[in-house]
N, C-alpha and C. Protein backbone atom coordinates (compact mmCIF):
# COMPACT_ATOMS: atom_id res chain seq x y z
N MET A 1 0.85 -1.19 0.00
CA MET A 1 0.00 0.00 0.00
C MET A 1 0.89 1.25 0.00
N ALA A 2 0.61 2.16 -0.87
CA ALA A 2 1.39 3.38 -0.99
C ALA A 2 0.77 4.49 -0.13
N LEU A 3 1.52 5.57 0.02
CA LEU A 3 1.00 6.73 0.73
C LEU A 3 -0.15 7.33 -0.06
N SER A 4 -1.19 7.74 0.63
CA SER A 4 -2.35 8.32 -0.07
C SER A 4 -2.00 9.72 -0.58
N GLU A 5 -2.65 10.10 -1.65
CA GLU A 5 -2.44 11.43 -2.23
C GLU A 5 -2.84 12.51 -1.23
N GLU A 6 -3.86 12.24 -0.45
CA GLU A 6 -4.32 13.19 0.56
C GLU A 6 -3.23 13.44 1.61
N LEU A 7 -2.58 12.38 2.05
CA LEU A 7 -1.50 12.51 3.03
C LEU A 7 -0.33 13.27 2.43
N LYS A 8 0.01 12.99 1.19
CA LYS A 8 1.12 13.68 0.53
C LYS A 8 0.89 15.18 0.46
N LYS A 9 -0.36 15.58 0.26
CA LYS A 9 -0.69 17.00 0.19
C LYS A 9 -0.53 17.69 1.54
N LEU A 10 -0.72 16.93 2.61
CA LEU A 10 -0.65 17.50 3.96
C LEU A 10 0.77 17.56 4.52
N LEU A 11 1.63 16.64 4.12
CA LEU A 11 2.97 16.56 4.70
C LEU A 11 3.88 17.68 4.23
N VAL A 12 4.62 18.23 5.18
CA VAL A 12 5.68 19.21 4.90
C VAL A 12 6.89 18.82 5.72
N CYS A 13 8.02 19.38 5.38
CA CYS A 13 9.24 19.10 6.15
C CYS A 13 9.05 19.62 7.58
N PRO A 14 9.32 18.81 8.58
CA PRO A 14 9.15 19.27 9.96
C PRO A 14 10.19 20.32 10.37
N LYS A 15 11.27 20.40 9.64
CA LYS A 15 12.32 21.37 9.98
C LYS A 15 12.05 22.75 9.37
N CYS A 16 11.79 22.80 8.06
CA CYS A 16 11.63 24.09 7.38
C CYS A 16 10.20 24.37 6.93
N LYS A 17 9.32 23.39 7.09
CA LYS A 17 7.93 23.48 6.64
C LYS A 17 7.82 23.60 5.12
N GLY A 18 8.86 23.16 4.42
CA GLY A 18 8.90 23.25 2.96
C GLY A 18 8.32 22.03 2.27
N GLU A 19 8.33 22.10 0.95
CA GLU A 19 7.78 21.06 0.09
C GLU A 19 8.67 19.82 0.10
N LEU A 20 8.02 18.67 -0.03
CA LEU A 20 8.72 17.39 -0.03
C LEU A 20 8.59 16.70 -1.38
N THR A 21 9.55 15.85 -1.69
CA THR A 21 9.52 15.01 -2.88
C THR A 21 9.43 13.57 -2.40
N PHE A 22 8.46 12.83 -2.94
CA PHE A 22 8.21 11.46 -2.50
C PHE A 22 8.85 10.47 -3.45
N HIS A 23 9.63 9.54 -2.89
CA HIS A 23 10.29 8.48 -3.65
C HIS A 23 9.90 7.16 -2.99
N GLU A 24 8.65 6.79 -3.20
CA GLU A 24 8.10 5.62 -2.51
C GLU A 24 8.79 4.32 -2.93
N GLU A 25 9.27 4.25 -4.16
CA GLU A 25 9.97 3.05 -4.62
C GLU A 25 11.25 2.81 -3.81
N LYS A 26 11.83 3.88 -3.27
CA LYS A 26 13.03 3.78 -2.42
C LYS A 26 12.67 3.79 -0.94
N GLY A 27 11.42 4.08 -0.61
CA GLY A 27 11.02 4.20 0.79
C GLY A 27 11.55 5.47 1.42
N GLU A 28 11.55 6.57 0.63
CA GLU A 28 12.14 7.82 1.11
C GLU A 28 11.28 9.03 0.76
N ILE A 29 11.43 10.05 1.59
CA ILE A 29 10.84 11.36 1.34
C ILE A 29 11.99 12.35 1.44
N HIS A 30 12.15 13.21 0.44
CA HIS A 30 13.27 14.15 0.39
C HIS A 30 12.80 15.58 0.60
N CYS A 31 13.59 16.33 1.37
CA CYS A 31 13.44 17.78 1.47
C CYS A 31 14.70 18.36 0.85
N LYS A 32 14.56 18.96 -0.31
CA LYS A 32 15.73 19.52 -1.00
C LYS A 32 16.24 20.78 -0.30
N ALA A 33 15.36 21.54 0.34
CA ALA A 33 15.77 22.77 1.03
C ALA A 33 16.69 22.45 2.21
N CYS A 34 16.33 21.46 3.00
CA CYS A 34 17.13 21.08 4.17
C CYS A 34 18.16 20.02 3.85
N LYS A 35 18.04 19.42 2.65
CA LYS A 35 18.92 18.33 2.23
C LYS A 35 18.84 17.16 3.21
N LEU A 36 17.59 16.78 3.52
CA LEU A 36 17.34 15.66 4.43
C LEU A 36 16.47 14.60 3.75
N VAL A 37 16.66 13.36 4.20
CA VAL A 37 15.87 12.23 3.72
C VAL A 37 15.14 11.63 4.92
N TYR A 38 13.82 11.53 4.79
CA TYR A 38 12.99 10.90 5.81
C TYR A 38 12.58 9.52 5.29
N ALA A 39 12.56 8.55 6.16
CA ALA A 39 12.24 7.18 5.76
C ALA A 39 10.73 6.95 5.74
N ILE A 40 10.33 5.99 4.91
CA ILE A 40 8.96 5.46 4.92
C ILE A 40 9.10 4.00 5.34
N GLN A 41 8.52 3.64 6.49
CA GLN A 41 8.60 2.27 6.98
C GLN A 41 7.20 1.71 7.14
N ASP A 42 6.93 0.59 6.49
CA ASP A 42 5.60 -0.05 6.54
C ASP A 42 4.51 0.95 6.15
N ASP A 43 4.78 1.74 5.11
CA ASP A 43 3.84 2.74 4.58
C ASP A 43 3.55 3.87 5.57
N ILE A 44 4.45 4.08 6.53
CA ILE A 44 4.31 5.16 7.50
C ILE A 44 5.51 6.09 7.36
N PRO A 45 5.28 7.38 7.04
CA PRO A 45 6.40 8.31 6.95
C PRO A 45 6.95 8.62 8.34
N ILE A 46 8.25 8.50 8.48
CA ILE A 46 8.93 8.78 9.76
C ILE A 46 9.46 10.21 9.66
N MET A 47 8.66 11.17 10.12
CA MET A 47 8.97 12.58 9.93
C MET A 47 9.62 13.19 11.19
N LEU A 48 10.63 12.52 11.69
CA LEU A 48 11.37 12.99 12.86
C LEU A 48 12.72 13.53 12.41
N ILE A 49 13.01 14.77 12.74
CA ILE A 49 14.26 15.40 12.31
C ILE A 49 15.46 14.59 12.80
N ASP A 50 15.40 14.09 14.03
CA ASP A 50 16.53 13.33 14.60
C ASP A 50 16.78 12.01 13.88
N GLU A 51 15.77 11.50 13.19
CA GLU A 51 15.93 10.23 12.48
C GLU A 51 16.18 10.42 10.99
N ALA A 52 16.13 11.65 10.51
CA ALA A 52 16.43 11.93 9.10
C ALA A 52 17.92 11.78 8.85
N ARG A 53 18.25 11.51 7.59
CA ARG A 53 19.67 11.43 7.24
C ARG A 53 19.95 12.43 6.14
N PRO A 54 21.21 12.78 5.93
CA PRO A 54 21.54 13.75 4.89
C PRO A 54 21.22 13.24 3.49
N LEU A 55 20.75 14.12 2.66
CA LEU A 55 20.48 13.79 1.26
C LEU A 55 21.80 13.67 0.53
N PRO A 56 22.03 12.53 -0.14
CA PRO A 56 23.30 12.38 -0.88
C PRO A 56 23.42 13.44 -1.97
N ALA A 57 24.64 13.85 -2.21
CA ALA A 57 24.89 14.90 -3.21
C ALA A 57 24.66 14.44 -4.62
């Protein structure tokens, strides 16, 4: 099951409140402004700044 379109419209980066890019095939959500990657685990976005990792260059 993928993330619903409704949920995608509601989610923003918890750090900068900016727009996110969804890469569900990788299980990732990217914030290009903060250069952070948030994980998607079991179809649940893990939107915790402390658990985000740096976006590869």
